[in-house]
Amino acid sequence: MEKLDIFVKGVGTGREQAVRGLISNGFDIDAIYDQTPIPHNGCRKPRTRRV
């Protein structure tokens, strides 16, 4: 392998640690793509319950 393209999904520290782990193991990273799903106001949220 010469270069890696990394596709990450989601938020948090786990994805950053995974990328750092690949770098520390000597992998040459060409690009990092963020594929976190972002809603475009699709479904309506259920109403809040009133007691």
PDB file of N, CA and C in Angstrom:
ATOM      1  N   MET A   1       0.846  -1.178   0.000  1.00  0.00           N
ATOM      2  CA  MET A   1       0.000   0.000   0.000  1.00  0.00           C
ATOM      3  C   MET A   1       0.887   1.235   0.000  1.00  0.00           C
ATOM      4  N   GLU A   2       0.535   2.156  -0.846  1.00  0.00           N
ATOM      5  CA  GLU A   2       1.309   3.385  -0.883  1.00  0.00           C
ATOM      6  C   GLU A   2       0.629   4.498  -0.093  1.00  0.00           C
ATOM      7  N   LYS A   3      -0.636   4.769  -0.426  1.00  0.00           N
ATOM      8  CA  LYS A   3      -1.354   5.839   0.257  1.00  0.00           C
ATOM      9  C   LYS A   3      -2.758   5.366   0.600  1.00  0.00           C
ATOM     10  N   LEU A   4      -3.296   5.906   1.673  1.00  0.00           N
ATOM     11  CA  LEU A   4      -4.637   5.537   2.123  1.00  0.00           C
ATOM     12  C   LEU A   4      -5.584   6.718   1.997  1.00  0.00           C
ATOM     13  N   ASP A   5      -6.808   6.436   1.576  1.00  0.00           N
ATOM     14  CA  ASP A   5      -7.907   7.380   1.668  1.00  0.00           C
ATOM     15  C   ASP A   5      -8.791   6.894   2.809  1.00  0.00           C
ATOM     16  N   ILE A   6      -9.007   7.739   3.800  1.00  0.00           N
ATOM     17  CA  ILE A   6      -9.759   7.352   4.989  1.00  0.00           C
ATOM     18  C   ILE A   6     -11.128   8.020   4.951  1.00  0.00           C
ATOM     19  N   PHE A   7     -12.179   7.212   5.153  1.00  0.00           N
ATOM     20  CA  PHE A   7     -13.550   7.700   5.223  1.00  0.00           C
ATOM     21  C   PHE A   7     -14.033   7.494   6.650  1.00  0.00           C
ATOM     22  N   VAL A   8     -14.349   8.589   7.354  1.00  0.00           N
ATOM     23  CA  VAL A   8     -14.818   8.496   8.737  1.00  0.00           C
ATOM     24  C   VAL A   8     -16.275   8.934   8.800  1.00  0.00           C
ATOM     25  N   LYS A   9     -17.003   8.323   9.725  1.00  0.00           N
ATOM     26  CA  LYS A   9     -18.417   8.636   9.900  1.00  0.00           C
ATOM     27  C   LYS A   9     -18.699   8.744  11.389  1.00  0.00           C
ATOM     28  N   GLY A  10     -19.430   9.778  11.776  1.00  0.00           N
ATOM     29  CA  GLY A  10     -19.789   9.969  13.173  1.00  0.00           C
ATOM     30  C   GLY A  10     -18.940  11.043  13.825  1.00  0.00           C
ATOM     31  N   VAL A  11     -19.266  11.339  15.061  1.00  0.00           N
ATOM     32  CA  VAL A  11     -18.534  12.354  15.809  1.00  0.00           C
ATOM     33  C   VAL A  11     -17.940  11.721  17.059  1.00  0.00           C
ATOM     34  N   GLY A  12     -16.966  12.380  17.629  1.00  0.00           N
ATOM     35  CA  GLY A  12     -16.386  11.897  18.875  1.00  0.00           C
ATOM     36  C   GLY A  12     -14.886  11.744  18.790  1.00  0.00           C
ATOM     37  N   THR A  13     -14.320  11.357  19.911  1.00  0.00           N
ATOM     38  CA  THR A  13     -12.867  11.231  19.985  1.00  0.00           C
ATOM     39  C   THR A  13     -12.378   9.921  19.394  1.00  0.00           C
ATOM     40  N   GLY A  14     -13.258   8.942  19.257  1.00  0.00           N
ATOM     41  CA  GLY A  14     -12.853   7.638  18.744  1.00  0.00           C
ATOM     42  C   GLY A  14     -12.361   7.697  17.316  1.00  0.00           C
ATOM     43  N   ARG A  15     -12.996   8.498  16.493  1.00  0.00           N
ATOM     44  CA  ARG A  15     -12.560   8.569  15.097  1.00  0.00           C
ATOM     45  C   ARG A  15     -11.225   9.278  14.976  1.00  0.00           C
ATOM     46  N   GLU A  16     -10.980  10.275  15.815  1.00  0.00           N
ATOM     47  CA  GLU A  16      -9.688  10.962  15.791  1.00  0.00           C
ATOM     48  C   GLU A  16      -8.577  10.028  16.259  1.00  0.00           C
ATOM     49  N   GLN A  17      -8.854   9.234  17.269  1.00  0.00           N
ATOM     50  CA  GLN A  17      -7.857   8.292  17.767  1.00  0.00           C
ATOM     51  C   GLN A  17      -7.545   7.222  16.731  1.00  0.00           C
ATOM     52  N   ALA A  18      -8.544   6.819  15.964  1.00  0.00           N
ATOM     53  CA  ALA A  18      -8.318   5.817  14.926  1.00  0.00           C
ATOM     54  C   ALA A  18      -7.396   6.359  13.842  1.00  0.00           C
ATOM     55  N   VAL A  19      -7.602   7.598  13.451  1.00  0.00           N
ATOM     56  CA  VAL A  19      -6.741   8.210  12.431  1.00  0.00           C
ATOM     57  C   VAL A  19      -5.332   8.382  12.974  1.00  0.00           C
ATOM     58  N   ARG A  20      -5.215   8.807  14.221  1.00  0.00           N
ATOM     59  CA  ARG A  20      -3.881   8.959  14.824  1.00  0.00           C
ATOM     60  C   ARG A  20      -3.166   7.620  14.942  1.00  0.00           C
ATOM     61  N   GLY A  21      -3.925   6.568  15.215  1.00  0.00           N
ATOM     62  CA  GLY A  21      -3.331   5.235  15.295  1.00  0.00           C
ATOM     63  C   GLY A  21      -2.769   4.785  13.967  1.00  0.00           C
ATOM     64  N   LEU A  22      -3.478   5.080  12.881  1.00  0.00           N
ATOM     65  CA  LEU A  22      -2.969   4.729  11.556  1.00  0.00           C
ATOM     66  C   LEU A  22      -1.708   5.519  11.218  1.00  0.00           C
ATOM     67  N   ILE A  23      -1.694   6.786  11.587  1.00  0.00           N
ATOM     68  CA  ILE A  23      -0.513   7.610  11.315  1.00  0.00           C
ATOM     69  C   ILE A  23       0.682   7.109  12.113  1.00  0.00           C
ATOM     70  N   SER A  24       0.459   6.753  13.375  1.00  0.00           N
ATOM     71  CA  SER A  24       1.575   6.318  14.214  1.00  0.00           C
ATOM     72  C   SER A  24       2.122   4.960  13.790  1.00  0.00           C
ATOM     73  N   ASN A  25       1.306   4.150  13.096  1.00  0.00           N
ATOM     74  CA  ASN A  25       1.784   2.855  12.615  1.00  0.00           C
ATOM     75  C   ASN A  25       2.506   2.952  11.285  1.00  0.00           C
ATOM     76  N   GLY A  26       2.674   4.155  10.774  1.00  0.00           N
ATOM     77  CA  GLY A  26       3.481   4.341   9.582  1.00  0.00           C
ATOM     78  C   GLY A  26       2.721   4.344   8.273  1.00  0.00           C
ATOM     79  N   PHE A  27       1.399   4.439   8.317  1.00  0.00           N
ATOM     80  CA  PHE A  27       0.627   4.502   7.081  1.00  0.00           C
ATOM     81  C   PHE A  27       0.692   5.912   6.503  1.00  0.00           C
ATOM     82  N   ASP A  28       0.814   5.998   5.188  1.00  0.00           N
ATOM     83  CA  ASP A  28       0.837   7.284   4.504  1.00  0.00           C
ATOM     84  C   ASP A  28      -0.591   7.619   4.093  1.00  0.00           C
ATOM     85  N   ILE A  29      -1.155   8.668   4.678  1.00  0.00           N
ATOM     86  CA  ILE A  29      -2.548   9.023   4.444  1.00  0.00           C
ATOM     87  C   ILE A  29      -2.615  10.095   3.369  1.00  0.00           C
ATOM     88  N   ASP A  30      -3.389   9.801   2.318  1.00  0.00           N
ATOM     89  CA  ASP A  30      -3.536  10.732   1.208  1.00  0.00           C
ATOM     90  C   ASP A  30      -4.649  11.738   1.488  1.00  0.00           C
ATOM     91  N   ALA A  31      -5.804  11.257   1.966  1.00  0.00           N
ATOM     92  CA  ALA A  31      -6.937  12.147   2.218  1.00  0.00           C
ATOM     93  C   ALA A  31      -7.817  11.554   3.306  1.00  0.00           C
ATOM     94  N   ILE A  32      -8.495  12.438   4.036  1.00  0.00           N
ATOM     95  CA  ILE A  32      -9.456  12.039   5.058  1.00  0.00           C
ATOM     96  C   ILE A  32     -10.802  12.644   4.671  1.00  0.00           C
ATOM     97  N   TYR A  33     -11.809  11.790   4.486  1.00  0.00           N
ATOM     98  CA  TYR A  33     -13.136  12.234   4.091  1.00  0.00           C
ATOM     99  C   TYR A  33     -14.093  12.044   5.255  1.00  0.00           C
ATOM    100  N   ASP A  34     -14.897  13.073   5.528  1.00  0.00           N
ATOM    101  CA  ASP A  34     -15.893  13.012   6.587  1.00  0.00           C
ATOM    102  C   ASP A  34     -17.242  12.689   5.960  1.00  0.00           C
ATOM    103  N   GLN A  35     -17.826  11.548   6.318  1.00  0.00           N
ATOM    104  CA  GLN A  35     -19.113  11.137   5.776  1.00  0.00           C
ATOM    105  C   GLN A  35     -20.169  11.057   6.868  1.00  0.00           C
ATOM    106  N   THR A  36     -20.124  11.990   7.799  1.00  0.00           N
ATOM    107  CA  THR A  36     -21.102  12.019   8.878  1.00  0.00           C
ATOM    108  C   THR A  36     -22.461  12.411   8.309  1.00  0.00           C
ATOM    109  N   PRO A  37     -23.497  11.601   8.548  1.00  0.00           N
ATOM    110  CA  PRO A  37     -24.813  11.957   8.008  1.00  0.00           C
ATOM    111  C   PRO A  37     -25.382  13.184   8.718  1.00  0.00           C
ATOM    112  N   ILE A  38     -25.802  14.151   7.927  1.00  0.00           N
ATOM    113  CA  ILE A  38     -26.382  15.377   8.463  1.00  0.00           C
ATOM    114  C   ILE A  38     -27.821  15.460   7.972  1.00  0.00           C
ATOM    115  N   PRO A  39     -28.806  15.543   8.880  1.00  0.00           N
ATOM    116  CA  PRO A  39     -30.200  15.602   8.436  1.00  0.00           C
ATOM    117  C   PRO A  39     -30.511  16.953   7.788  1.00  0.00           C
ATOM    118  N   HIS A  40     -31.350  16.909   6.779  1.00  0.00           N
ATOM    119  CA  HIS A  40     -31.811  18.123   6.110  1.00  0.00           C
ATOM    120  C   HIS A  40     -33.281  18.337   6.445  1.00  0.00           C
ATOM    121  N   ASN A  41     -33.588  18.250   7.738  1.00  0.00           N
ATOM    122  CA  ASN A  41     -34.947  18.406   8.269  1.00  0.00           C
ATOM    123  C   ASN A  41     -35.922  17.455   7.586  1.00  0.00           C
ATOM    124  N   GLY A  42     -35.637  16.173   7.704  1.00  0.00           N
ATOM    125  CA  GLY A  42     -36.461  15.145   7.080  1.00  0.00           C
ATOM    126  C   GLY A  42     -37.722  14.856   7.870  1.00  0.00           C
ATOM    127  N   CYS A  43     -37.662  13.942   8.808  1.00  0.00           N
ATOM    128  CA  CYS A  43     -38.841  13.527   9.567  1.00  0.00           C
ATOM    129  C   CYS A  43     -39.104  14.500  10.713  1.00  0.00           C
ATOM    130  N   ARG A  44     -40.387  14.657  11.010  1.00  0.00           N
ATOM    131  CA  ARG A  44     -40.764  15.522  12.113  1.00  0.00           C
ATOM    132  C   ARG A  44     -40.598  14.766  13.426  1.00  0.00           C
ATOM    133  N   LYS A  45     -40.062  15.435  14.427  1.00  0.00           N
ATOM    134  CA  LYS A  45     -39.859  14.811  15.728  1.00  0.00           C
ATOM    135  C   LYS A  45     -41.199  14.633  16.432  1.00  0.00           C
ATOM    136  N   PRO A  46     -41.318  13.588  17.259  1.00  0.00           N
ATOM    137  CA  PRO A  46     -42.574  13.405  17.988  1.00  0.00           C
ATOM    138  C   PRO A  46     -42.772  14.520  19.014  1.00  0.00           C
ATOM    139  N   ARG A  47     -44.049  14.824  19.259  1.00  0.00           N
ATOM    140  CA  ARG A  47     -44.345  15.933  20.167  1.00  0.00           C
ATOM    141  C   ARG A  47     -43.931  15.585  21.589  1.00  0.00           C
ATOM    142  N   THR A  48     -43.698  16.599  22.394  1.00  0.00           N
ATOM    143  CA  THR A  48     -43.352  16.377  23.791  1.00  0.00           C
ATOM    144  C   THR A  48     -44.619  16.023  24.565  1.00  0.00           C
ATOM    145  N   ARG A  49     -44.495  15.128  25.488  1.00  0.00           N
ATOM    146  CA  ARG A  49     -45.630  14.635  26.264  1.00  0.00           C
ATOM    147  C   ARG A  49     -45.985  15.630  27.358  1.00  0.00           C
ATOM    148  N   ARG A  50     -47.261  15.942  27.462  1.00  0.00           N
ATOM    149  CA  ARG A  50     -47.748  16.829  28.521  1.00  0.00           C
ATOM    150  C   ARG A  50     -48.610  16.027  29.482  1.00  0.00           C
ATOM    151  N   VAL A  51     -48.338  16.177  30.744  1.00  0.00           N
ATOM    152  CA  VAL A  51     -49.079  15.416  31.748  1.00  0.00           C
ATOM    153  C   VAL A  51     -50.053  16.308  32.475  1.00  0.00           C
TER     154      VAL A  51
END
